[in-house]
Amino acid sequence: MSEKKTKKTGYSFEEDIERLDEIVSALERGEAPLEESLKLYEEGARLAVRCETALKQAEQRVLKLAKTPEGTIEAVKMEVSDSEA
């Protein structure tokens, strides 16, 4: 999903991260009026959740190589425990 747009959101993960960075910078500068700051914060919170979800989905797709008892190598889905998710 690197540069591809997601069908659901229309934005790529990279674009979401870039926008989130812009929002954080704007809020850190503290130059926006209160109402605009609140809107930026809300947008940033939504983006953070969307990015976290995308990262979790990517993590679940990662495969690790494991040696079988027969000595061959096979791809195995990586186990994700609740504490890591």
PDB file of N, CA and C in Angstrom:
ATOM      1  N   MET A   1       0.822  -1.197   0.000  1.00  0.00           N
ATOM      2  CA  MET A   1       0.000   0.000   0.000  1.00  0.00           C
ATOM      3  C   MET A   1       0.859   1.250   0.000  1.00  0.00           C
ATOM      4  N   SER A   2       2.114   1.176  -0.354  1.00  0.00           N
ATOM      5  CA  SER A   2       3.032   2.289  -0.212  1.00  0.00           C
ATOM      6  C   SER A   2       2.506   3.583  -0.818  1.00  0.00           C
ATOM      7  N   GLU A   3       2.400   3.663  -2.126  1.00  0.00           N
ATOM      8  CA  GLU A   3       1.930   4.877  -2.768  1.00  0.00           C
ATOM      9  C   GLU A   3       0.503   4.751  -3.286  1.00  0.00           C
ATOM     10  N   LYS A   4      -0.080   3.602  -3.113  1.00  0.00           N
ATOM     11  CA  LYS A   4      -1.438   3.392  -3.613  1.00  0.00           C
ATOM     12  C   LYS A   4      -2.441   4.050  -2.683  1.00  0.00           C
ATOM     13  N   LYS A   5      -3.502   4.523  -3.258  1.00  0.00           N
ATOM     14  CA  LYS A   5      -4.603   5.056  -2.473  1.00  0.00           C
ATOM     15  C   LYS A   5      -5.440   3.883  -1.989  1.00  0.00           C
ATOM     16  N   THR A   6      -5.931   3.976  -0.752  1.00  0.00           N
ATOM     17  CA  THR A   6      -6.809   2.922  -0.285  1.00  0.00           C
ATOM     18  C   THR A   6      -8.198   3.176  -0.840  1.00  0.00           C
ATOM     19  N   LYS A   7      -8.914   2.114  -1.147  1.00  0.00           N
ATOM     20  CA  LYS A   7     -10.259   2.262  -1.709  1.00  0.00           C
ATOM     21  C   LYS A   7     -11.207   2.896  -0.701  1.00  0.00           C
ATOM     22  N   LYS A   8     -11.045   2.539   0.569  1.00  0.00           N
ATOM     23  CA  LYS A   8     -11.964   3.016   1.594  1.00  0.00           C
ATOM     24  C   LYS A   8     -11.804   4.516   1.853  1.00  0.00           C
ATOM     25  N   THR A   9     -10.562   5.009   1.987  1.00  0.00           N
ATOM     26  CA  THR A   9     -10.350   6.392   2.391  1.00  0.00           C
ATOM     27  C   THR A   9      -9.974   7.322   1.255  1.00  0.00           C
ATOM     28  N   GLY A  10      -9.382   6.779   0.194  1.00  0.00           N
ATOM     29  CA  GLY A  10      -8.920   7.625  -0.882  1.00  0.00           C
ATOM     30  C   GLY A  10      -7.552   8.228  -0.620  1.00  0.00           C
ATOM     31  N   TYR A  11      -6.944   7.933   0.518  1.00  0.00           N
ATOM     32  CA  TYR A  11      -5.634   8.466   0.860  1.00  0.00           C
ATOM     33  C   TYR A  11      -4.675   7.329   1.144  1.00  0.00           C
ATOM     34  N   SER A  12      -3.410   7.571   0.883  1.00  0.00           N
ATOM     35  CA  SER A  12      -2.403   6.565   1.193  1.00  0.00           C
ATOM     36  C   SER A  12      -1.919   6.769   2.626  1.00  0.00           C
ATOM     37  N   PHE A  13      -1.319   5.744   3.163  1.00  0.00           N
ATOM     38  CA  PHE A  13      -0.752   5.815   4.506  1.00  0.00           C
ATOM     39  C   PHE A  13       0.251   6.962   4.582  1.00  0.00           C
ATOM     40  N   GLU A  14       1.084   7.081   3.570  1.00  0.00           N
ATOM     41  CA  GLU A  14       2.104   8.115   3.557  1.00  0.00           C
ATOM     42  C   GLU A  14       1.496   9.518   3.568  1.00  0.00           C
ATOM     43  N   GLU A  15       0.413   9.702   2.813  1.00  0.00           N
ATOM     44  CA  GLU A  15      -0.264  11.000   2.812  1.00  0.00           C
ATOM     45  C   GLU A  15      -0.884  11.287   4.174  1.00  0.00           C
ATOM     46  N   ASP A  16      -1.439  10.261   4.800  1.00  0.00           N
ATOM     47  CA  ASP A  16      -2.018  10.440   6.133  1.00  0.00           C
ATOM     48  C   ASP A  16      -0.953  10.839   7.141  1.00  0.00           C
ATOM     49  N   ILE A  17       0.208  10.187   7.089  1.00  0.00           N
ATOM     50  CA  ILE A  17       1.300  10.517   8.011  1.00  0.00           C
ATOM     51  C   ILE A  17       1.792  11.943   7.766  1.00  0.00           C
ATOM     52  N   GLU A  18       1.914  12.306   6.495  1.00  0.00           N
ATOM     53  CA  GLU A  18       2.361  13.658   6.155  1.00  0.00           C
ATOM     54  C   GLU A  18       1.379  14.706   6.697  1.00  0.00           C
ATOM     55  N   ARG A  19       0.080  14.464   6.516  1.00  0.00           N
ATOM     56  CA  ARG A  19      -0.928  15.402   7.011  1.00  0.00           C
ATOM     57  C   ARG A  19      -0.907  15.456   8.534  1.00  0.00           C
ATOM     58  N   LEU A  20      -0.733  14.315   9.173  1.00  0.00           N
ATOM     59  CA  LEU A  20      -0.658  14.266  10.635  1.00  0.00           C
ATOM     60  C   LEU A  20       0.533  15.083  11.126  1.00  0.00           C
ATOM     61  N   ASP A  21       1.652  14.988  10.438  1.00  0.00           N
ATOM     62  CA  ASP A  21       2.836  15.772  10.789  1.00  0.00           C
ATOM     63  C   ASP A  21       2.556  17.271  10.648  1.00  0.00           C
ATOM     64  N   GLU A  22       1.845  17.654   9.581  1.00  0.00           N
ATOM     65  CA  GLU A  22       1.487  19.064   9.386  1.00  0.00           C
ATOM     66  C   GLU A  22       0.608  19.561  10.534  1.00  0.00           C
ATOM     67  N   ILE A  23      -0.339  18.732  10.942  1.00  0.00           N
ATOM     68  CA  ILE A  23      -1.251  19.108  12.019  1.00  0.00           C
ATOM     69  C   ILE A  23      -0.492  19.285  13.326  1.00  0.00           C
ATOM     70  N   VAL A  24       0.389  18.349  13.634  1.00  0.00           N
ATOM     71  CA  VAL A  24       1.177  18.432  14.864  1.00  0.00           C
ATOM     72  C   VAL A  24       2.013  19.708  14.861  1.00  0.00           C
ATOM     73  N   SER A  25       2.649  19.996  13.737  1.00  0.00           N
ATOM     74  CA  SER A  25       3.461  21.212  13.643  1.00  0.00           C
ATOM     75  C   SER A  25       2.618  22.462  13.861  1.00  0.00           C
ATOM     76  N   ALA A  26       1.446  22.501  13.242  1.00  0.00           N
ATOM     77  CA  ALA A  26       0.561  23.663  13.388  1.00  0.00           C
ATOM     78  C   ALA A  26       0.119  23.835  14.838  1.00  0.00           C
ATOM     79  N   LEU A  27      -0.215  22.728  15.479  1.00  0.00           N
ATOM     80  CA  LEU A  27      -0.647  22.808  16.879  1.00  0.00           C
ATOM     81  C   LEU A  27       0.511  23.204  17.797  1.00  0.00           C
ATOM     82  N   GLU A  28       1.703  22.714  17.506  1.00  0.00           N
ATOM     83  CA  GLU A  28       2.869  23.069  18.319  1.00  0.00           C
ATOM     84  C   GLU A  28       3.205  24.550  18.207  1.00  0.00           C
ATOM     85  N   ARG A  29       2.983  25.124  17.028  1.00  0.00           N
ATOM     86  CA  ARG A  29       3.246  26.565  16.853  1.00  0.00           C
ATOM     87  C   ARG A  29       2.263  27.396  17.670  1.00  0.00           C
ATOM     88  N   GLY A  30       1.068  26.885  17.872  1.00  0.00           N
ATOM     89  CA  GLY A  30       0.079  27.574  18.686  1.00  0.00           C
ATOM     90  C   GLY A  30      -0.457  28.856  18.088  1.00  0.00           C
ATOM     91  N   GLU A  31      -0.392  28.987  16.786  1.00  0.00           N
ATOM     92  CA  GLU A  31      -0.821  30.229  16.133  1.00  0.00           C
ATOM     93  C   GLU A  31      -2.292  30.220  15.723  1.00  0.00           C
ATOM     94  N   ALA A  32      -2.908  29.054  15.678  1.00  0.00           N
ATOM     95  CA  ALA A  32      -4.304  28.953  15.223  1.00  0.00           C
ATOM     96  C   ALA A  32      -5.251  29.348  16.348  1.00  0.00           C
ATOM     97  N   PRO A  33      -6.381  29.955  15.981  1.00  0.00           N
ATOM     98  CA  PRO A  33      -7.399  30.250  16.989  1.00  0.00           C
ATOM     99  C   PRO A  33      -7.910  28.949  17.612  1.00  0.00           C
ATOM    100  N   LEU A  34      -8.540  29.061  18.752  1.00  0.00           N
ATOM    101  CA  LEU A  34      -8.993  27.892  19.503  1.00  0.00           C
ATOM    102  C   LEU A  34      -9.867  26.960  18.674  1.00  0.00           C
ATOM    103  N   GLU A  35     -10.866  27.496  18.000  1.00  0.00           N
ATOM    104  CA  GLU A  35     -11.782  26.649  17.228  1.00  0.00           C
ATOM    105  C   GLU A  35     -11.049  25.890  16.124  1.00  0.00           C
ATOM    106  N   GLU A  36     -10.144  26.567  15.435  1.00  0.00           N
ATOM    107  CA  GLU A  36      -9.364  25.902  14.386  1.00  0.00           C
ATOM    108  C   GLU A  36      -8.441  24.840  15.000  1.00  0.00           C
ATOM    109  N   SER A  37      -7.860  25.143  16.152  1.00  0.00           N
ATOM    110  CA  SER A  37      -6.998  24.171  16.836  1.00  0.00           C
ATOM    111  C   SER A  37      -7.781  22.916  17.207  1.00  0.00           C
ATOM    112  N   LEU A  38      -9.014  23.099  17.660  1.00  0.00           N
ATOM    113  CA  LEU A  38      -9.851  21.946  18.009  1.00  0.00           C
ATOM    114  C   LEU A  38     -10.159  21.098  16.778  1.00  0.00           C
ATOM    115  N   LYS A  39     -10.451  21.757  15.670  1.00  0.00           N
ATOM    116  CA  LYS A  39     -10.717  21.020  14.428  1.00  0.00           C
ATOM    117  C   LYS A  39      -9.474  20.265  13.970  1.00  0.00           C
ATOM    118  N   LEU A  40      -8.321  20.902  14.066  1.00  0.00           N
ATOM    119  CA  LEU A  40      -7.073  20.239  13.696  1.00  0.00           C
ATOM    120  C   LEU A  40      -6.814  19.029  14.592  1.00  0.00           C
ATOM    121  N   TYR A  41      -7.058  19.216  15.888  1.00  0.00           N
ATOM    122  CA  TYR A  41      -6.862  18.120  16.835  1.00  0.00           C
ATOM    123  C   TYR A  41      -7.763  16.935  16.482  1.00  0.00           C
ATOM    124  N   GLU A  42      -9.033  17.217  16.196  1.00  0.00           N
ATOM    125  CA  GLU A  42      -9.980  16.146  15.840  1.00  0.00           C
ATOM    126  C   GLU A  42      -9.540  15.430  14.566  1.00  0.00           C
ATOM    127  N   GLU A  43      -9.108  16.196  13.560  1.00  0.00           N
ATOM    128  CA  GLU A  43      -8.624  15.580  12.322  1.00  0.00           C
ATOM    129  C   GLU A  43      -7.395  14.721  12.603  1.00  0.00           C
ATOM    130  N   GLY A  44      -6.498  15.239  13.423  1.00  0.00           N
ATOM    131  CA  GLY A  44      -5.295  14.496  13.774  1.00  0.00           C
ATOM    132  C   GLY A  44      -5.610  13.203  14.511  1.00  0.00           C
ATOM    133  N   ALA A  45      -6.582  13.246  15.397  1.00  0.00           N
ATOM    134  CA  ALA A  45      -6.968  12.043  16.135  1.00  0.00           C
ATOM    135  C   ALA A  45      -7.524  10.985  15.182  1.00  0.00           C
ATOM    136  N   ARG A  46      -8.348  11.413  14.222  1.00  0.00           N
ATOM    137  CA  ARG A  46      -8.886  10.470  13.230  1.00  0.00           C
ATOM    138  C   ARG A  46      -7.761   9.870  12.382  1.00  0.00           C
ATOM    139  N   LEU A  47      -6.831  10.717  11.961  1.00  0.00           N
ATOM    140  CA  LEU A  47      -5.701  10.239  11.158  1.00  0.00           C
ATOM    141  C   LEU A  47      -4.835   9.259  11.944  1.00  0.00           C
ATOM    142  N   ALA A  48      -4.616   9.551  13.218  1.00  0.00           N
ATOM    143  CA  ALA A  48      -3.791   8.669  14.052  1.00  0.00           C
ATOM    144  C   ALA A  48      -4.417   7.287  14.158  1.00  0.00           C
ATOM    145  N   VAL A  49      -5.725   7.231  14.331  1.00  0.00           N
ATOM    146  CA  VAL A  49      -6.420   5.946  14.407  1.00  0.00           C
ATOM    147  C   VAL A  49      -6.318   5.215  13.073  1.00  0.00           C
ATOM    148  N   ARG A  50      -6.530   5.945  11.981  1.00  0.00           N
ATOM    149  CA  ARG A  50      -6.464   5.335  10.652  1.00  0.00           C
ATOM    150  C   ARG A  50      -5.057   4.797  10.370  1.00  0.00           C
ATOM    151  N   CYS A  51      -4.024   5.540  10.755  1.00  0.00           N
ATOM    152  CA  CYS A  51      -2.645   5.092  10.547  1.00  0.00           C
ATOM    153  C   CYS A  51      -2.326   3.885  11.413  1.00  0.00           C
ATOM    154  N   GLU A  52      -2.784   3.911  12.652  1.00  0.00           N
ATOM    155  CA  GLU A  52      -2.549   2.768  13.544  1.00  0.00           C
ATOM    156  C   GLU A  52      -3.212   1.509  12.994  1.00  0.00           C
ATOM    157  N   THR A  53      -4.416   1.653  12.493  1.00  0.00           N
ATOM    158  CA  THR A  53      -5.123   0.514  11.898  1.00  0.00           C
ATOM    159  C   THR A  53      -4.370  -0.022  10.691  1.00  0.00           C
ATOM    160  N   ALA A  54      -3.893   0.875   9.842  1.00  0.00           N
ATOM    161  CA  ALA A  54      -3.142   0.459   8.657  1.00  0.00           C
ATOM    162  C   ALA A  54      -1.861  -0.270   9.055  1.00  0.00           C
ATOM    163  N   LEU A  55      -1.185   0.209  10.088  1.00  0.00           N
ATOM    164  CA  LEU A  55       0.037  -0.443  10.547  1.00  0.00           C
ATOM    165  C   LEU A  55      -0.247  -1.834  11.111  1.00  0.00           C
ATOM    166  N   LYS A  56      -1.332  -1.958  11.856  1.00  0.00           N
ATOM    167  CA  LYS A  56      -1.694  -3.270  12.403  1.00  0.00           C
ATOM    168  C   LYS A  56      -2.026  -4.255  11.285  1.00  0.00           C
ATOM    169  N   GLN A  57      -2.732  -3.782  10.275  1.00  0.00           N
ATOM    170  CA  GLN A  57      -3.069  -4.651   9.147  1.00  0.00           C
ATOM    171  C   GLN A  57      -1.809  -5.069   8.398  1.00  0.00           C
ATOM    172  N   ALA A  58      -0.879  -4.147   8.222  1.00  0.00           N
ATOM    173  CA  ALA A  58       0.372  -4.467   7.540  1.00  0.00           C
ATOM    174  C   ALA A  58       1.177  -5.473   8.359  1.00  0.00           C
ATOM    175  N   GLU A  59       1.207  -5.274   9.648  1.00  0.00           N
ATOM    176  CA  GLU A  59       1.940  -6.179  10.533  1.00  0.00           C
ATOM    177  C   GLU A  59       1.393  -7.602  10.437  1.00  0.00           C
ATOM    178  N   GLN A  60       0.081  -7.729  10.356  1.00  0.00           N
ATOM    179  CA  GLN A  60      -0.540  -9.045  10.268  1.00  0.00           C
ATOM    180  C   GLN A  60      -0.243  -9.723   8.939  1.00  0.00           C
ATOM    181  N   ARG A  61       0.101  -8.950   7.932  1.00  0.00           N
ATOM    182  CA  ARG A  61       0.394  -9.517   6.614  1.00  0.00           C
ATOM    183  C   ARG A  61       1.843  -9.954   6.483  1.00  0.00           C
ATOM    184  N   VAL A  62       2.674  -9.496   7.397  1.00  0.00           N
ATOM    185  CA  VAL A  62       4.093  -9.836   7.328  1.00  0.00           C
ATOM    186  C   VAL A  62       4.257 -11.334   7.556  1.00  0.00           C
ATOM    187  N   LEU A  63       5.087 -11.926   6.734  1.00  0.00           N
ATOM    188  CA  LEU A  63       5.362 -13.346   6.872  1.00  0.00           C
ATOM    189  C   LEU A  63       6.777 -13.526   7.393  1.00  0.00           C
ATOM    190  N   LYS A  64       6.944 -14.549   8.194  1.00  0.00           N
ATOM    191  CA  LYS A  64       8.293 -14.894   8.610  1.00  0.00           C
ATOM    192  C   LYS A  64       8.627 -16.261   8.028  1.00  0.00           C
ATOM    193  N   LEU A  65       9.886 -16.496   7.818  1.00  0.00           N
ATOM    194  CA  LEU A  65      10.328 -17.787   7.314  1.00  0.00           C
ATOM    195  C   LEU A  65      10.647 -18.685   8.499  1.00  0.00           C
ATOM    196  N   ALA A  66      10.159 -19.907   8.448  1.00  0.00           N
ATOM    197  CA  ALA A  66      10.380 -20.849   9.529  1.00  0.00           C
ATOM    198  C   ALA A  66      10.883 -22.158   8.961  1.00  0.00           C
ATOM    199  N   LYS A  67      11.785 -22.771   9.698  1.00  0.00           N
ATOM    200  CA  LYS A  67      12.311 -24.068   9.292  1.00  0.00           C
ATOM    201  C   LYS A  67      11.387 -25.150   9.841  1.00  0.00           C
ATOM    202  N   THR A  68      10.922 -26.041   8.970  1.00  0.00           N
ATOM    203  CA  THR A  68      10.036 -27.130   9.381  1.00  0.00           C
ATOM    204  C   THR A  68      10.871 -28.274   9.968  1.00  0.00           C
ATOM    205  N   PRO A  69      10.208 -29.190  10.664  1.00  0.00           N
ATOM    206  CA  PRO A  69      10.945 -30.346  11.201  1.00  0.00           C
ATOM    207  C   PRO A  69      11.661 -31.147  10.105  1.00  0.00           C
ATOM    208  N   GLU A  70      11.146 -31.100   8.893  1.00  0.00           N
ATOM    209  CA  GLU A  70      11.768 -31.813   7.774  1.00  0.00           C
ATOM    210  C   GLU A  70      12.986 -31.070   7.229  1.00  0.00           C
ATOM    211  N   GLY A  71      13.227 -29.867   7.712  1.00  0.00           N
ATOM    212  CA  GLY A  71      14.382 -29.102   7.265  1.00  0.00           C
ATOM    213  C   GLY A  71      14.116 -28.156   6.118  1.00  0.00           C
ATOM    214  N   THR A  72      12.881 -28.075   5.657  1.00  0.00           N
ATOM    215  CA  THR A  72      12.556 -27.138   4.579  1.00  0.00           C
ATOM    216  C   THR A  72      12.144 -25.794   5.178  1.00  0.00           C
ATOM    217  N   ILE A  73      12.162 -24.796   4.351  1.00  0.00           N
ATOM    218  CA  ILE A  73      11.773 -23.445   4.778  1.00  0.00           C
ATOM    219  C   ILE A  73      10.388 -23.146   4.217  1.00  0.00           C
ATOM    220  N   GLU A  74       9.524 -22.619   5.077  1.00  0.00           N
ATOM    221  CA  GLU A  74       8.195 -22.221   4.604  1.00  0.00           C
ATOM    222  C   GLU A  74       7.818 -20.876   5.221  1.00  0.00           C
ATOM    223  N   ALA A  75       6.936 -20.176   4.534  1.00  0.00           N
ATOM    224  CA  ALA A  75       6.443 -18.890   5.026  1.00  0.00           C
ATOM    225  C   ALA A  75       5.302 -19.145   5.992  1.00  0.00           C
ATOM    226  N   VAL A  76       5.379 -18.494   7.133  1.00  0.00           N
ATOM    227  CA  VAL A  76       4.364 -18.648   8.175  1.00  0.00           C
ATOM    228  C   VAL A  76       3.886 -17.252   8.553  1.00  0.00           C
ATOM    229  N   LYS A  77       2.577 -17.098   8.701  1.00  0.00           N
ATOM    230  CA  LYS A  77       2.060 -15.798   9.133  1.00  0.00           C
ATOM    231  C   LYS A  77       2.583 -15.484  10.516  1.00  0.00           C
ATOM    232  N   MET A  78       2.983 -14.242  10.701  1.00  0.00           N
ATOM    233  CA  MET A  78       3.506 -13.812  11.974  1.00  0.00           C
ATOM    234  C   MET A  78       2.380 -13.750  12.994  1.00  0.00           C
ATOM    235  N   GLU A  79       2.607 -14.290  14.160  1.00  0.00           N
ATOM    236  CA  GLU A  79       1.623 -14.238  15.231  1.00  0.00           C
ATOM    237  C   GLU A  79       1.706 -12.880  15.908  1.00  0.00           C
ATOM    238  N   VAL A  80       0.569 -12.255  16.114  1.00  0.00           N
ATOM    239  CA  VAL A  80       0.513 -10.972  16.787  1.00  0.00           C
ATOM    240  C   VAL A  80      -0.295 -11.163  18.048  1.00  0.00           C
ATOM    241  N   SER A  81       0.350 -10.968  19.198  1.00  0.00           N
ATOM    242  CA  SER A  81      -0.371 -11.115  20.452  1.00  0.00           C
ATOM    243  C   SER A  81      -1.087  -9.821  20.778  1.00  0.00           C
ATOM    244  N   ASP A  82      -2.051  -9.890  21.673  1.00  0.00           N
ATOM    245  CA  ASP A  82      -2.812  -8.706  22.054  1.00  0.00           C
ATOM    246  C   ASP A  82      -1.916  -7.634  22.675  1.00  0.00           C
ATOM    247  N   SER A  83      -0.863  -8.051  23.370  1.00  0.00           N
ATOM    248  CA  SER A  83       0.026  -7.075  23.996  1.00  0.00           C
ATOM    249  C   SER A  83       0.830  -6.304  22.959  1.00  0.00           C
ATOM    250  N   GLU A  84       1.071  -6.895  21.778  1.00  0.00           N
ATOM    251  CA  GLU A  84       1.807  -6.208  20.719  1.00  0.00           C
ATOM    252  C   GLU A  84       0.896  -5.381  19.840  1.00  0.00           C
ATOM    253  N   ALA A  85      -0.374  -5.690  19.812  1.00  0.00           N
ATOM    254  CA  ALA A  85      -1.321  -5.013  18.922  1.00  0.00           C
ATOM    255  C   ALA A  85      -1.793  -3.721  19.495  1.00  0.00           C
TER     256      ALA A  85
END
